[in-house]
Protein backbone atom coordinates (compact mmCIF):
# COMPACT_ATOMS: atom_id res chain seq x y z
CA MET A 1 0.00 0.00 0.00
CA ARG A 2 2.87 2.39 0.75
CA GLU A 3 4.27 1.71 -2.71
CA GLN A 4 1.00 2.56 -4.39
CA ARG A 5 0.47 5.57 -2.14
CA ALA A 6 3.79 7.05 -3.27
CA LYS A 7 2.49 7.13 -6.85
CA LEU A 8 -0.53 9.29 -5.99
CA SER A 9 -0.74 13.03 -5.43
CA ARG A 10 -1.52 14.38 -1.97
CA GLY A 11 -4.95 15.75 -2.92
CA ASN A 12 -6.18 12.52 -4.47
CA ASP A 13 -9.21 11.05 -2.65
CA VAL A 14 -7.79 7.54 -2.78
CA ALA A 15 -4.52 8.85 -1.34
CA LYS A 16 -6.42 10.44 1.55
CA ALA A 17 -8.11 7.12 2.28
CA MET A 18 -4.77 5.32 2.13
CA ASP A 19 -3.18 7.85 4.48
CA TYR A 20 -6.06 7.38 6.91
CA MET A 21 -5.60 3.61 6.87
CA LEU A 22 -1.81 3.71 7.12
CA LYS A 23 -1.98 5.99 10.17
CA ARG A 24 -4.27 3.47 11.88
CA TRP A 25 -2.68 0.28 10.56
CA ALA A 26 -2.06 -1.32 13.96
CA ALA A 27 -5.70 -0.88 15.00
CA PHE A 28 -6.94 -1.97 11.57
CA THR A 29 -5.01 -5.25 11.64
CA ARG A 30 -5.61 -6.04 15.32
CA PHE A 31 -8.49 -8.39 14.45
CA LEU A 32 -6.07 -10.62 12.52
CA ASN A 33 -4.26 -11.49 15.75
CA ASP A 34 -7.34 -11.82 17.97
CA GLY A 35 -10.34 -13.65 16.55
CA ARG A 36 -12.64 -12.31 19.28
CA ILE A 37 -12.51 -8.79 17.87
CA CYS A 38 -15.44 -7.97 15.63
CA LEU A 39 -14.85 -6.10 12.38
CA SER A 40 -17.94 -3.95 12.78
CA ASN A 41 -19.53 -1.94 15.54
CA ASN A 42 -23.04 -3.24 14.84
CA SER A 43 -23.61 -4.47 18.40
CA ALA A 44 -22.72 -1.06 19.83
CA GLU A 45 -24.96 0.63 17.27
CA ARG A 46 -27.86 -1.64 18.24
CA GLY A 47 -27.22 -0.83 21.88
CA VAL A 48 -27.79 2.90 21.40
CA ARG A 49 -30.53 2.57 18.78
CA GLY A 50 -33.33 2.83 21.35
CA ILE A 51 -31.90 6.06 22.71
CA ALA A 52 -31.65 7.57 19.25
CA LEU A 53 -35.18 6.54 18.32
CA GLY A 54 -36.65 7.76 21.60
CA ARG A 55 -35.00 11.17 21.44
CA LYS A 56 -37.90 12.74 19.55
CA PHE A 57 -40.39 11.43 22.10
CA TRP A 58 -38.39 12.62 25.11
CA LEU A 59 -37.94 16.08 23.68
CA PHE A 60 -41.47 17.07 24.71
CA CYS A 61 -41.79 15.52 28.17
CA GLY A 62 -43.71 18.60 29.30
CA SER A 63 -41.29 19.89 31.93
CA ASP A 64 -37.89 19.34 33.48
CA ARG A 65 -39.50 17.14 36.10
CA GLY A 66 -41.20 15.09 33.39
CA GLY A 67 -37.86 14.69 31.65
CA GLU A 68 -36.28 13.48 34.87
CA ARG A 69 -39.09 10.94 35.31
CA ALA A 70 -38.64 9.71 31.76
CA ALA A 71 -34.89 9.32 32.36
CA VAL A 72 -35.52 7.30 35.53
CA MET A 73 -38.04 5.06 33.78
CA TYR A 74 -35.68 4.50 30.87
CA SER A 75 -32.86 3.60 33.27
CA LEU A 76 -35.09 1.07 35.03
CA ILE A 77 -36.19 -0.50 31.76
CA VAL A 78 -32.64 -0.79 30.42
CA SER A 79 -31.41 -2.21 33.74
CA ALA A 80 -34.17 -4.82 33.71
CA ARG A 81 -33.11 -6.02 30.29
């Protein structure tokens, strides 16, 4: 990759992507040494999906006190899972 990168100009979009990957090469290849490491962050994304979807509903809780109640209820529900 370094060989091919040397042939590209600095402003090239592919060169920018290669630079990004080369700077993070150790982290990128870590999964090759440890099979337990997942290549994607799908499980983390699924974990926060409920929060992201509920944001629009929690925006209009009516008052600060209502927002605090909603936060407590959400904490209880997530803890019970």
